[in-house]
Amino acid sequence: MPTVTLPTESAGSVAVADETQIDFFGVDLYFTDDLQVTSSSDYATVDGLDALRQAIRSRLLTSPGEYAVHPDYGCGLRNFCKKRASQSDRDALRQLIIDQLSQEERIQSVEEVTLTSFSSGNMTGVKVFARIIALGRENSFAMQTFAE
């Protein structure tokens, strides 16, 4: 099963965003592998920059065609990890990530995307680093995923 790491401002919890971030980045349902429920039995939400982080994670991990109503949504990062990638595979994935992140309405521009393939024993994976402009400020995101 793939493991994904996407750092947040506060490890293990969702940070409270200021009003400007909430207005710009919005509020979404909070997902890990499933919907999260609060102690008051409401669905947990994520807002501000953490909402954007979650949207980026979803866009990177979702495979094109996985959402019937949005067949072009997603990068399919997990599928990329199931094989050793050539430089042309990495270049194509990098361009797909740039194209997908550029479609995210909360992102004003994609400044940099770096991919690093890695392997350990019988596992292969990829680390993604993206530097974007959102809310007029530079933000960086990093994640990794791998497959056995």
Protein backbone atom coordinates (compact mmCIF):
# COMPACT_ATOMS: atom_id res chain seq x y z
CA MET A 1 0.00 0.00 0.00
CA PRO A 2 1.46 3.39 -0.93
CA THR A 3 2.48 5.74 1.84
CA VAL A 4 2.13 9.45 1.29
CA THR A 5 3.72 12.17 3.36
CA LEU A 6 2.58 15.74 2.90
CA PRO A 7 3.91 18.02 5.63
CA THR A 8 1.59 20.55 7.21
CA GLU A 9 2.25 23.51 9.44
CA SER A 10 1.34 21.49 12.52
CA ALA A 11 2.22 17.82 12.38
CA GLY A 12 -0.62 15.58 13.44
CA SER A 13 -3.28 18.27 13.54
CA VAL A 14 -4.92 20.76 11.25
CA ALA A 15 -3.88 24.35 11.94
CA VAL A 16 -6.48 27.09 12.22
CA ALA A 17 -6.13 29.51 9.31
CA ASP A 18 -6.52 33.26 9.48
CA GLU A 19 -9.59 34.84 7.83
CA THR A 20 -7.67 35.87 4.68
CA GLN A 21 -6.53 32.29 4.09
CA ILE A 22 -10.02 30.92 4.74
CA ASP A 23 -11.54 33.43 2.31
CA PHE A 24 -9.02 32.59 -0.41
CA PHE A 25 -8.35 28.87 0.08
CA GLY A 26 -11.78 27.91 1.43
CA VAL A 27 -12.94 25.10 3.67
CA ASP A 28 -13.02 21.44 2.57
CA LEU A 29 -13.91 18.15 4.18
CA TYR A 30 -10.82 16.66 5.81
CA PHE A 31 -9.64 13.40 4.21
CA THR A 32 -6.91 10.99 5.07
CA ASP A 33 -7.82 7.54 3.75
CA ASP A 34 -11.45 8.25 4.63
CA LEU A 35 -13.65 11.05 5.93
CA GLN A 36 -12.75 12.10 9.45
CA VAL A 37 -15.39 12.64 12.14
CA THR A 38 -15.02 14.99 15.10
CA SER A 39 -15.91 14.17 18.71
CA SER A 40 -19.23 15.96 18.14
CA SER A 41 -20.00 13.56 15.23
CA ASP A 42 -19.57 16.24 12.56
CA TYR A 43 -17.37 15.73 9.55
CA ALA A 44 -13.96 17.26 10.19
CA THR A 45 -12.95 20.13 7.94
CA VAL A 46 -9.68 21.63 6.83
CA ASP A 47 -9.27 25.27 5.89
CA GLY A 48 -6.78 27.83 4.74
CA LEU A 49 -3.41 26.65 3.47
CA ASP A 50 -4.10 23.14 4.77
CA ALA A 51 -7.11 22.98 2.43
CA LEU A 52 -4.79 23.80 -0.47
CA ARG A 53 -2.28 21.17 0.67
CA GLN A 54 -5.05 18.58 0.73
CA ALA A 55 -6.26 19.63 -2.75
CA ILE A 56 -2.72 19.29 -4.12
CA ARG A 57 -2.31 15.86 -2.54
CA SER A 58 -5.62 14.72 -4.02
CA ARG A 59 -4.75 16.04 -7.47
CA LEU A 60 -1.34 14.32 -7.43
CA LEU A 61 -2.60 10.94 -6.23
CA THR A 62 -5.85 10.67 -8.22
CA SER A 63 -5.44 8.87 -11.54
CA PRO A 64 -6.87 10.42 -14.71
CA GLY A 65 -10.24 8.80 -15.38
CA GLU A 66 -10.82 7.96 -11.71
CA TYR A 67 -13.51 10.67 -11.42
CA ALA A 68 -16.16 10.06 -14.10
CA VAL A 69 -17.35 13.67 -14.04
CA HIS A 70 -13.76 15.01 -14.33
CA PRO A 71 -11.90 12.42 -16.47
CA ASP A 72 -8.83 14.65 -16.96
CA TYR A 73 -8.39 15.37 -13.23
CA GLY A 74 -5.29 13.97 -11.55
CA CYS A 75 -1.71 12.86 -12.12
CA GLY A 76 -1.79 9.19 -11.11
CA LEU A 77 1.37 9.48 -9.05
CA ARG A 78 0.89 6.02 -7.52
CA ASN A 79 0.94 4.40 -10.98
CA PHE A 80 4.21 6.14 -11.73
CA CYS A 81 5.76 4.47 -8.69
CA LYS A 82 5.00 0.94 -9.87
CA LYS A 83 7.86 0.90 -12.34
CA ARG A 84 11.34 2.25 -12.73
CA ALA A 85 10.92 5.53 -14.56
CA SER A 86 13.08 6.74 -17.39
CA GLN A 87 14.04 10.39 -17.72
CA SER A 88 11.35 10.86 -20.37
CA ASP A 89 8.76 9.33 -17.95
CA ARG A 90 9.86 11.77 -15.23
CA ASP A 91 9.75 14.69 -17.67
CA ALA A 92 6.21 13.74 -18.76
CA LEU A 93 5.07 13.39 -15.14
CA ARG A 94 6.66 16.72 -14.21
CA GLN A 95 4.77 18.44 -17.04
CA LEU A 96 1.52 16.70 -16.03
CA ILE A 97 1.98 17.93 -12.44
CA ILE A 98 2.58 21.49 -13.68
CA ASP A 99 -0.52 21.29 -15.89
CA GLN A 100 -2.66 19.86 -13.09
CA LEU A 101 -1.51 22.35 -10.45
CA SER A 102 -2.10 25.20 -12.92
CA GLN A 103 -5.76 24.11 -13.12
CA GLU A 104 -6.20 24.55 -9.36
CA GLU A 105 -8.02 27.88 -9.04
CA ARG A 106 -6.31 28.72 -5.74
CA ILE A 107 -2.85 28.56 -7.33
CA GLN A 108 -1.77 31.68 -9.17
CA SER A 109 1.39 30.17 -10.69
CA VAL A 110 3.59 27.10 -10.52
CA GLU A 111 7.19 28.24 -10.08
CA GLU A 112 9.03 24.92 -9.79
CA VAL A 113 8.37 21.18 -9.76
CA THR A 114 11.17 18.74 -8.98
CA LEU A 115 10.86 14.95 -9.11
CA THR A 116 13.30 12.53 -7.56
CA SER A 117 12.94 8.80 -8.10
CA PHE A 118 14.16 6.45 -5.40
CA SER A 119 14.23 2.76 -4.64
CA SER A 120 14.81 0.73 -1.54
CA GLY A 121 14.87 -3.03 -1.77
CA ASN A 122 11.79 -4.07 -3.71
CA MET A 123 10.11 -0.65 -3.40
CA THR A 124 10.23 2.18 -5.91
CA GLY A 125 8.96 5.67 -5.36
CA VAL A 126 9.02 9.32 -6.21
CA LYS A 127 9.46 12.48 -4.20
CA VAL A 128 7.72 15.59 -5.48
CA PHE A 129 8.65 19.13 -4.52
CA ALA A 130 6.52 22.02 -5.81
CA ARG A 131 6.96 25.74 -5.32
CA ILE A 132 3.85 27.75 -6.13
CA ILE A 133 2.42 31.23 -5.75
CA ALA A 134 -0.90 31.33 -3.92
CA LEU A 135 -2.49 34.30 -2.19
CA GLY A 136 0.37 36.38 -3.56
CA ARG A 137 2.89 34.44 -1.47
CA GLU A 138 5.29 31.67 -2.29
CA ASN A 139 4.43 28.30 -0.79
CA SER A 140 6.36 25.06 -1.03
CA PHE A 141 4.97 21.55 -0.79
CA ALA A 142 6.74 18.23 -0.69
CA MET A 143 5.39 14.71 -0.73
CA GLN A 144 6.57 11.22 -1.43
CA THR A 145 4.81 8.06 -2.39
CA PHE A 146 6.07 4.57 -3.14
CA ALA A 147 4.86 1.16 -4.21
CA GLU A 148 6.12 -2.36 -3.55
